[in-house]
Amino acid sequence: MSDITVYTAQTPNGVKVTILLEELGLPYKAIPVDLSKSTQKEPWFLEINPNGRIPAMTDTFSDGKQIRLFESGAMMQYLTDRYDTEHKVSYPKGSREYYEVNNWLMWQMGGLGPMQGQFAHFNLYAPEKIEYGINRYKNETRRLYRTMETQLKSSTSGYLVGDRCTVADIACWGWVAVAKMSGIDITEFPVLDQWVKRMLERPGVEKGRHVPTKHGYEAMQTLSREQVDELLTGNKKWIQESMKEEAK
């Protein structure tokens, strides 16, 4: 029996873990972390994740003692290794598909997330517009989207690996779902766009994406660039303040 507590916020990385928990049907407690107040930098949180980032997680380990998990990819690996005994969203360890899922999970952690995250920062939150930075990260994000588009085109299941939705899809979904907010035209990648919508049809994705607060995919599709900028005005302030604090 799990004893999982997730410390999270409504971000592309945050929803990965709650979506996975819902897909696995595991009970868990979700603790909202207020990024605007730097709650993730408080001493109690740093005991769970010394890097001061969300999501983070605790569970009771097989020895009866608490275990801490941080970095969303590591959390997903832990959950599938320990709890996905029926391989609902994974494959048996040692199989070809297991390692292929791992390829895509590491690809997301090292490529898609960081590159799109940097693009969103320079495009939406930077106090000055630096065209080189914006173009560099936008084009790299588009290249990564193209990589996913190509992989999905060759898939007979509509998912990244094999015959099922896996943690590879779940890890990537939160980032591609905010393409428009970031400033990427998802219609350039029609197969990828359909994959985003296909994932939304899954009950686990639908439930998990709204933890700890409502996910804004549908609303975001109707907003203009100016409306997105206005919506994010409040975020810009605390992000800049947080950066100054971390630079000390």
C-alpha atoms as a PDB file:
ATOM      1  CA  MET A   1       0.000   0.000   0.000  1.00  0.00           C
ATOM      2  CA  SER A   2       1.337   3.431  -0.926  1.00  0.00           C
ATOM      3  CA  ASP A   3       1.677   6.330   1.498  1.00  0.00           C
ATOM      4  CA  ILE A   4       2.427   8.968  -1.111  1.00  0.00           C
ATOM      5  CA  THR A   5       2.465  12.717  -0.580  1.00  0.00           C
ATOM      6  CA  VAL A   6       3.181  14.923  -3.594  1.00  0.00           C
ATOM      7  CA  TYR A   7       4.319  18.521  -3.209  1.00  0.00           C
ATOM      8  CA  THR A   8       3.445  20.260  -6.438  1.00  0.00           C
ATOM      9  CA  ALA A   9       2.146  23.235  -8.410  1.00  0.00           C
ATOM     10  CA  GLN A  10       0.365  23.756 -11.728  1.00  0.00           C
ATOM     11  CA  THR A  11       3.366  23.466 -14.062  1.00  0.00           C
ATOM     12  CA  PRO A  12       4.341  21.099 -16.907  1.00  0.00           C
ATOM     13  CA  ASN A  13       6.635  19.212 -14.539  1.00  0.00           C
ATOM     14  CA  GLY A  14       4.136  19.214 -11.704  1.00  0.00           C
ATOM     15  CA  VAL A  15       1.318  17.534 -13.599  1.00  0.00           C
ATOM     16  CA  LYS A  16       3.513  14.670 -14.810  1.00  0.00           C
ATOM     17  CA  VAL A  17       3.485  12.976 -11.437  1.00  0.00           C
ATOM     18  CA  THR A  18      -0.179  13.473 -10.581  1.00  0.00           C
ATOM     19  CA  ILE A  19      -1.210  12.226 -14.024  1.00  0.00           C
ATOM     20  CA  LEU A  20       0.925   9.118 -13.498  1.00  0.00           C
ATOM     21  CA  LEU A  21      -0.551   8.542 -10.047  1.00  0.00           C
ATOM     22  CA  GLU A  22      -4.048   8.742 -11.509  1.00  0.00           C
ATOM     23  CA  GLU A  23      -3.146   6.425 -14.383  1.00  0.00           C
ATOM     24  CA  LEU A  24      -1.882   3.879 -11.839  1.00  0.00           C
ATOM     25  CA  GLY A  25      -4.911   4.336  -9.593  1.00  0.00           C
ATOM     26  CA  LEU A  26      -2.737   5.028  -6.562  1.00  0.00           C
ATOM     27  CA  PRO A  27      -4.041   6.958  -3.544  1.00  0.00           C
ATOM     28  CA  TYR A  28      -2.008  10.047  -2.712  1.00  0.00           C
ATOM     29  CA  LYS A  29      -2.122  13.342  -0.895  1.00  0.00           C
ATOM     30  CA  ALA A  30      -1.330  16.510  -2.865  1.00  0.00           C
ATOM     31  CA  ILE A  31       0.184  19.484  -1.045  1.00  0.00           C
ATOM     32  CA  PRO A  32       0.086  22.735  -3.098  1.00  0.00           C
ATOM     33  CA  VAL A  33       3.370  24.639  -3.150  1.00  0.00           C
ATOM     34  CA  ASP A  34       3.047  28.408  -3.638  1.00  0.00           C
ATOM     35  CA  LEU A  35       5.905  29.276  -6.006  1.00  0.00           C
ATOM     36  CA  SER A  36       5.071  32.982  -5.837  1.00  0.00           C
ATOM     37  CA  LYS A  37       5.931  32.933  -2.125  1.00  0.00           C
ATOM     38  CA  SER A  38       9.048  30.745  -2.608  1.00  0.00           C
ATOM     39  CA  THR A  39       7.555  28.025  -0.435  1.00  0.00           C
ATOM     40  CA  GLN A  40       9.856  25.585  -2.237  1.00  0.00           C
ATOM     41  CA  LYS A  41      12.822  27.375  -0.638  1.00  0.00           C
ATOM     42  CA  GLU A  42      11.641  26.924   2.932  1.00  0.00           C
ATOM     43  CA  PRO A  43      13.716  24.612   5.186  1.00  0.00           C
ATOM     44  CA  TRP A  44      10.994  21.970   5.529  1.00  0.00           C
ATOM     45  CA  PHE A  45      10.725  21.635   1.740  1.00  0.00           C
ATOM     46  CA  LEU A  46      14.509  21.530   1.254  1.00  0.00           C
ATOM     47  CA  GLU A  47      14.537  18.472   3.512  1.00  0.00           C
ATOM     48  CA  ILE A  48      12.528  16.739   0.797  1.00  0.00           C
ATOM     49  CA  ASN A  49      14.176  18.345  -2.225  1.00  0.00           C
ATOM     50  CA  PRO A  50      17.491  20.070  -1.514  1.00  0.00           C
ATOM     51  CA  ASN A  51      17.304  21.678  -4.971  1.00  0.00           C
ATOM     52  CA  GLY A  52      14.210  23.680  -4.027  1.00  0.00           C
ATOM     53  CA  ARG A  53      12.065  22.786  -7.013  1.00  0.00           C
ATOM     54  CA  ILE A  54       8.711  21.089  -7.539  1.00  0.00           C
ATOM     55  CA  PRO A  55       7.502  18.429  -7.769  1.00  0.00           C
ATOM     56  CA  ALA A  56       8.774  16.424  -4.829  1.00  0.00           C
ATOM     57  CA  MET A  57       7.365  13.372  -3.137  1.00  0.00           C
ATOM     58  CA  THR A  58       7.558  11.196  -0.058  1.00  0.00           C
ATOM     59  CA  ASP A  59       6.440   7.608   0.456  1.00  0.00           C
ATOM     60  CA  THR A  60       6.882   4.851   3.003  1.00  0.00           C
ATOM     61  CA  PHE A  61       9.593   2.563   1.657  1.00  0.00           C
ATOM     62  CA  SER A  62       9.717  -1.220   1.921  1.00  0.00           C
ATOM     63  CA  ASP A  63      11.760  -0.923   5.132  1.00  0.00           C
ATOM     64  CA  GLY A  64       8.961   1.027   6.805  1.00  0.00           C
ATOM     65  CA  LYS A  65      10.880   4.307   6.729  1.00  0.00           C
ATOM     66  CA  GLN A  66      10.139   7.389   4.692  1.00  0.00           C
ATOM     67  CA  ILE A  67      11.820   7.830   1.325  1.00  0.00           C
ATOM     68  CA  ARG A  68      12.104  11.163  -0.479  1.00  0.00           C
ATOM     69  CA  LEU A  69      11.940  11.563  -4.245  1.00  0.00           C
ATOM     70  CA  PHE A  70      12.781  14.630  -6.295  1.00  0.00           C
ATOM     71  CA  GLU A  71      13.246  15.351 -10.010  1.00  0.00           C
ATOM     72  CA  SER A  72      10.073  14.419 -11.865  1.00  0.00           C
ATOM     73  CA  GLY A  73      11.739  11.764 -14.032  1.00  0.00           C
ATOM     74  CA  ALA A  74      13.159   9.992 -10.981  1.00  0.00           C
ATOM     75  CA  MET A  75       9.748  10.127  -9.331  1.00  0.00           C
ATOM     76  CA  MET A  76       8.122   8.571 -12.396  1.00  0.00           C
ATOM     77  CA  GLN A  77      10.711   5.804 -12.525  1.00  0.00           C
ATOM     78  CA  TYR A  78      10.168   5.062  -8.844  1.00  0.00           C
ATOM     79  CA  LEU A  79       6.392   4.886  -9.246  1.00  0.00           C
ATOM     80  CA  THR A  80       6.493   2.559 -12.238  1.00  0.00           C
ATOM     81  CA  ASP A  81       9.276   0.363 -10.820  1.00  0.00           C
ATOM     82  CA  ARG A  82       7.500  -0.083  -7.506  1.00  0.00           C
ATOM     83  CA  TYR A  83       3.805   0.116  -8.292  1.00  0.00           C
ATOM     84  CA  ASP A  84       3.167  -0.580 -11.992  1.00  0.00           C
ATOM     85  CA  THR A  85       3.322  -4.353 -11.596  1.00  0.00           C
ATOM     86  CA  GLU A  86       0.691  -4.805 -14.326  1.00  0.00           C
ATOM     87  CA  HIS A  87       2.632  -2.551 -16.718  1.00  0.00           C
ATOM     88  CA  LYS A  88      -0.276  -0.223 -17.353  1.00  0.00           C
ATOM     89  CA  VAL A  89       2.042   2.596 -18.473  1.00  0.00           C
ATOM     90  CA  SER A  90       5.377   0.787 -18.644  1.00  0.00           C
ATOM     91  CA  TYR A  91       6.996  -2.387 -19.940  1.00  0.00           C
ATOM     92  CA  PRO A  92       8.761  -5.269 -18.178  1.00  0.00           C
ATOM     93  CA  LYS A  93      12.247  -4.359 -17.015  1.00  0.00           C
ATOM     94  CA  GLY A  94      14.856  -5.642 -19.431  1.00  0.00           C
ATOM     95  CA  SER A  95      12.591  -5.591 -22.480  1.00  0.00           C
ATOM     96  CA  ARG A  96      13.395  -3.563 -25.583  1.00  0.00           C
ATOM     97  CA  GLU A  97      10.361  -1.391 -24.924  1.00  0.00           C
ATOM     98  CA  TYR A  98      11.500  -0.680 -21.363  1.00  0.00           C
ATOM     99  CA  TYR A  99      14.728   0.847 -22.613  1.00  0.00           C
ATOM    100  CA  GLU A 100      12.968   2.725 -25.412  1.00  0.00           C
ATOM    101  CA  VAL A 101      10.611   4.317 -22.873  1.00  0.00           C
ATOM    102  CA  ASN A 102      13.686   5.267 -20.862  1.00  0.00           C
ATOM    103  CA  ASN A 103      15.191   6.871 -23.972  1.00  0.00           C
ATOM    104  CA  TRP A 104      12.182   9.145 -24.357  1.00  0.00           C
ATOM    105  CA  LEU A 105      11.912   9.916 -20.650  1.00  0.00           C
ATOM    106  CA  MET A 106      15.549  11.069 -20.576  1.00  0.00           C
ATOM    107  CA  TRP A 107      14.969  12.959 -23.846  1.00  0.00           C
ATOM    108  CA  GLN A 108      12.194  14.909 -22.202  1.00  0.00           C
ATOM    109  CA  MET A 109      14.151  15.579 -19.025  1.00  0.00           C
ATOM    110  CA  GLY A 110      17.297  16.694 -20.839  1.00  0.00           C
ATOM    111  CA  GLY A 111      15.813  18.263 -23.957  1.00  0.00           C
ATOM    112  CA  LEU A 112      12.143  19.133 -24.306  1.00  0.00           C
ATOM    113  CA  GLY A 113      11.592  20.469 -20.780  1.00  0.00           C
ATOM    114  CA  PRO A 114      14.759  22.564 -20.445  1.00  0.00           C
ATOM    115  CA  MET A 115      14.640  23.955 -23.986  1.00  0.00           C
ATOM    116  CA  GLN A 116      10.960  24.886 -23.967  1.00  0.00           C
ATOM    117  CA  GLY A 117      11.352  26.210 -20.439  1.00  0.00           C
ATOM    118  CA  GLN A 118      14.140  28.532 -21.533  1.00  0.00           C
ATOM    119  CA  PHE A 119      12.129  29.629 -24.551  1.00  0.00           C
ATOM    120  CA  ALA A 120       9.145  30.453 -22.355  1.00  0.00           C
ATOM    121  CA  HIS A 121      11.373  32.405 -19.988  1.00  0.00           C
ATOM    122  CA  PHE A 122      12.993  34.565 -22.661  1.00  0.00           C
ATOM    123  CA  ASN A 123       9.742  34.992 -24.582  1.00  0.00           C
ATOM    124  CA  LEU A 124       7.361  35.621 -21.677  1.00  0.00           C
ATOM    125  CA  TYR A 125       9.208  36.578 -18.511  1.00  0.00           C
ATOM    126  CA  ALA A 126      12.535  38.230 -19.322  1.00  0.00           C
ATOM    127  CA  PRO A 127      12.580  41.966 -18.453  1.00  0.00           C
ATOM    128  CA  GLU A 128      14.047  42.718 -21.882  1.00  0.00           C
ATOM    129  CA  LYS A 129      13.503  41.031 -25.234  1.00  0.00           C
ATOM    130  CA  ILE A 130      16.711  39.324 -26.354  1.00  0.00           C
ATOM    131  CA  GLU A 131      16.020  38.106 -29.861  1.00  0.00           C
ATOM    132  CA  TYR A 132      19.001  35.750 -29.987  1.00  0.00           C
ATOM    133  CA  GLY A 133      17.845  33.902 -26.861  1.00  0.00           C
ATOM    134  CA  ILE A 134      14.216  33.823 -28.011  1.00  0.00           C
ATOM    135  CA  ASN A 135      15.086  32.510 -31.466  1.00  0.00           C
ATOM    136  CA  ARG A 136      17.669  30.032 -30.189  1.00  0.00           C
ATOM    137  CA  TYR A 137      15.291  28.317 -27.782  1.00  0.00           C
ATOM    138  CA  LYS A 138      12.206  28.616 -29.969  1.00  0.00           C
ATOM    139  CA  ASN A 139      13.899  26.898 -32.889  1.00  0.00           C
ATOM    140  CA  GLU A 140      15.338  24.213 -30.632  1.00  0.00           C
ATOM    141  CA  THR A 141      11.869  23.590 -29.177  1.00  0.00           C
ATOM    142  CA  ARG A 142      10.464  23.367 -32.695  1.00  0.00           C
ATOM    143  CA  ARG A 143      13.200  20.865 -33.586  1.00  0.00           C
ATOM    144  CA  LEU A 144      12.269  18.762 -30.568  1.00  0.00           C
ATOM    145  CA  TYR A 145       8.583  18.934 -31.490  1.00  0.00           C
ATOM    146  CA  ARG A 146       9.552  17.758 -34.969  1.00  0.00           C
ATOM    147  CA  THR A 147      11.373  14.810 -33.398  1.00  0.00           C
ATOM    148  CA  MET A 148       8.198  13.824 -31.556  1.00  0.00           C
ATOM    149  CA  GLU A 149       6.108  14.384 -34.685  1.00  0.00           C
ATOM    150  CA  THR A 150       8.317  11.978 -36.637  1.00  0.00           C
ATOM    151  CA  GLN A 151       8.179   9.352 -33.903  1.00  0.00           C
ATOM    152  CA  LEU A 152       4.392   9.555 -33.633  1.00  0.00           C
ATOM    153  CA  LYS A 153       3.973   9.322 -37.406  1.00  0.00           C
ATOM    154  CA  SER A 154       5.724   5.945 -37.326  1.00  0.00           C
ATOM    155  CA  SER A 155       3.636   4.690 -34.401  1.00  0.00           C
ATOM    156  CA  THR A 156       0.768   2.271 -34.967  1.00  0.00           C
ATOM    157  CA  SER A 157      -0.689   2.911 -31.495  1.00  0.00           C
ATOM    158  CA  GLY A 158      -0.649   6.709 -31.503  1.00  0.00           C
ATOM    159  CA  TYR A 159       1.797   6.773 -28.584  1.00  0.00           C
ATOM    160  CA  LEU A 160       5.543   7.216 -28.402  1.00  0.00           C
ATOM    161  CA  VAL A 161       6.558   3.650 -27.546  1.00  0.00           C
ATOM    162  CA  GLY A 162       4.969   0.353 -28.446  1.00  0.00           C
ATOM    163  CA  ASP A 163       1.300  -0.449 -28.045  1.00  0.00           C
ATOM    164  CA  ARG A 164       0.350   1.772 -25.105  1.00  0.00           C
ATOM    165  CA  CYS A 165       0.565   5.128 -23.410  1.00  0.00           C
ATOM    166  CA  THR A 166       3.623   5.133 -21.161  1.00  0.00           C
ATOM    167  CA  VAL A 167       5.479   7.434 -18.812  1.00  0.00           C
ATOM    168  CA  ALA A 168       7.247   8.748 -21.920  1.00  0.00           C
ATOM    169  CA  ASP A 169       3.975  10.214 -23.187  1.00  0.00           C
ATOM    170  CA  ILE A 170       2.968  11.441 -19.737  1.00  0.00           C
ATOM    171  CA  ALA A 171       6.312  13.186 -19.195  1.00  0.00           C
ATOM    172  CA  CYS A 172       6.087  15.032 -22.513  1.00  0.00           C
ATOM    173  CA  TRP A 173       2.405  15.919 -22.476  1.00  0.00           C
ATOM    174  CA  GLY A 174       2.508  18.764 -19.938  1.00  0.00           C
ATOM    175  CA  TRP A 175       5.079  20.638 -22.007  1.00  0.00           C
ATOM    176  CA  VAL A 176       3.445  20.228 -25.407  1.00  0.00           C
ATOM    177  CA  ALA A 177       0.065  21.143 -23.893  1.00  0.00           C
ATOM    178  CA  VAL A 178       1.389  24.650 -23.139  1.00  0.00           C
ATOM    179  CA  ALA A 179       2.827  25.168 -26.628  1.00  0.00           C
ATOM    180  CA  LYS A 180       0.533  28.097 -27.417  1.00  0.00           C
ATOM    181  CA  MET A 181       1.210  29.847 -24.123  1.00  0.00           C
ATOM    182  CA  SER A 182       4.942  29.476 -24.699  1.00  0.00           C
ATOM    183  CA  GLY A 183       4.687  30.885 -28.208  1.00  0.00           C
ATOM    184  CA  ILE A 184       4.834  27.779 -30.405  1.00  0.00           C
ATOM    185  CA  ASP A 185       2.328  27.223 -33.211  1.00  0.00           C
ATOM    186  CA  ILE A 186       1.320  23.608 -32.613  1.00  0.00           C
ATOM    187  CA  THR A 187      -0.552  23.462 -35.943  1.00  0.00           C
ATOM    188  CA  GLU A 188       2.881  23.192 -37.559  1.00  0.00           C
ATOM    189  CA  PHE A 189       2.904  19.668 -36.074  1.00  0.00           C
ATOM    190  CA  PRO A 190      -0.532  18.151 -36.796  1.00  0.00           C
ATOM    191  CA  VAL A 191       0.251  14.627 -35.576  1.00  0.00           C
ATOM    192  CA  LEU A 192       1.641  15.996 -32.328  1.00  0.00           C
ATOM    193  CA  ASP A 193      -1.422  18.211 -31.942  1.00  0.00           C
ATOM    194  CA  GLN A 194      -3.690  15.174 -32.291  1.00  0.00           C
ATOM    195  CA  TRP A 195      -1.583  13.305 -29.726  1.00  0.00           C
ATOM    196  CA  VAL A 196      -2.122  16.110 -27.194  1.00  0.00           C
ATOM    197  CA  LYS A 197      -5.881  15.811 -27.689  1.00  0.00           C
ATOM    198  CA  ARG A 198      -5.775  12.001 -27.617  1.00  0.00           C
ATOM    199  CA  MET A 199      -4.046  12.116 -24.241  1.00  0.00           C
ATOM    200  CA  LEU A 200      -6.834  14.363 -22.934  1.00  0.00           C
ATOM    201  CA  GLU A 201      -9.323  11.560 -23.587  1.00  0.00           C
ATOM    202  CA  ARG A 202      -7.633   9.414 -20.946  1.00  0.00           C
ATOM    203  CA  PRO A 203      -9.389   9.622 -17.544  1.00  0.00           C
ATOM    204  CA  GLY A 204      -6.072   9.584 -15.689  1.00  0.00           C
ATOM    205  CA  VAL A 205      -4.726  12.507 -17.697  1.00  0.00           C
ATOM    206  CA  GLU A 206      -7.955  14.439 -17.327  1.00  0.00           C
ATOM    207  CA  LYS A 207      -8.021  14.024 -13.556  1.00  0.00           C
ATOM    208  CA  GLY A 208      -4.305  14.331 -12.864  1.00  0.00           C
ATOM    209  CA  ARG A 209      -3.760  17.489 -14.897  1.00  0.00           C
ATOM    210  CA  HIS A 210      -6.034  19.463 -12.591  1.00  0.00           C
ATOM    211  CA  VAL A 211      -3.898  18.876  -9.479  1.00  0.00           C
ATOM    212  CA  PRO A 212      -3.378  20.946  -7.424  1.00  0.00           C
ATOM    213  CA  THR A 213      -5.314  23.590  -9.416  1.00  0.00           C
ATOM    214  CA  LYS A 214      -7.270  23.692 -12.677  1.00  0.00           C
ATOM    215  CA  HIS A 215      -5.248  23.126 -15.832  1.00  0.00           C
ATOM    216  CA  GLY A 216      -5.707  25.819 -18.470  1.00  0.00           C
ATOM    217  CA  TYR A 217      -5.319  23.962 -21.775  1.00  0.00           C
ATOM    218  CA  GLU A 218      -8.786  24.703 -23.146  1.00  0.00           C
ATOM    219  CA  ALA A 219      -8.822  28.342 -22.027  1.00  0.00           C
ATOM    220  CA  MET A 220      -5.354  28.938 -23.452  1.00  0.00           C
ATOM    221  CA  GLN A 221      -6.457  27.946 -26.968  1.00  0.00           C
ATOM    222  CA  THR A 222      -8.782  30.952 -27.186  1.00  0.00           C
ATOM    223  CA  LEU A 223      -6.409  33.645 -25.891  1.00  0.00           C
ATOM    224  CA  SER A 224      -4.522  36.134 -28.035  1.00  0.00           C
ATOM    225  CA  ARG A 225      -0.824  36.837 -27.499  1.00  0.00           C
ATOM    226  CA  GLU A 226      -1.749  40.085 -25.749  1.00  0.00           C
ATOM    227  CA  GLN A 227      -4.153  38.266 -23.436  1.00  0.00           C
ATOM    228  CA  VAL A 228      -1.493  35.699 -22.548  1.00  0.00           C
ATOM    229  CA  ASP A 229       0.962  38.481 -21.693  1.00  0.00           C
ATOM    230  CA  GLU A 230      -1.639  40.173 -19.505  1.00  0.00           C
ATOM    231  CA  LEU A 231      -2.457  36.892 -17.768  1.00  0.00           C
ATOM    232  CA  LEU A 232       1.204  36.317 -16.920  1.00  0.00           C
ATOM    233  CA  THR A 233       1.901  39.841 -15.613  1.00  0.00           C
ATOM    234  CA  GLY A 234       1.729  38.745 -11.994  1.00  0.00           C
ATOM    235  CA  ASN A 235       4.055  35.803 -12.601  1.00  0.00           C
ATOM    236  CA  LYS A 236       6.723  38.040 -14.108  1.00  0.00           C
ATOM    237  CA  LYS A 237       7.153  39.960 -10.877  1.00  0.00           C
ATOM    238  CA  TRP A 238       7.699  37.032  -8.544  1.00  0.00           C
ATOM    239  CA  ILE A 239       9.865  35.182 -11.072  1.00  0.00           C
ATOM    240  CA  GLN A 240      12.216  38.162 -11.291  1.00  0.00           C
ATOM    241  CA  GLU A 241      12.258  38.531  -7.507  1.00  0.00           C
ATOM    242  CA  SER A 242      13.007  34.843  -7.085  1.00  0.00           C
ATOM    243  CA  MET A 243      15.883  35.029  -9.566  1.00  0.00           C
ATOM    244  CA  LYS A 244      17.421  37.959  -7.697  1.00  0.00           C
ATOM    245  CA  GLU A 245      17.169  36.059  -4.420  1.00  0.00           C
ATOM    246  CA  GLU A 246      18.782  32.944  -5.875  1.00  0.00           C
ATOM    247  CA  ALA A 247      21.646  34.985  -7.344  1.00  0.00           C
ATOM    248  CA  LYS A 248      22.781  36.178  -3.906  1.00  0.00           C
END
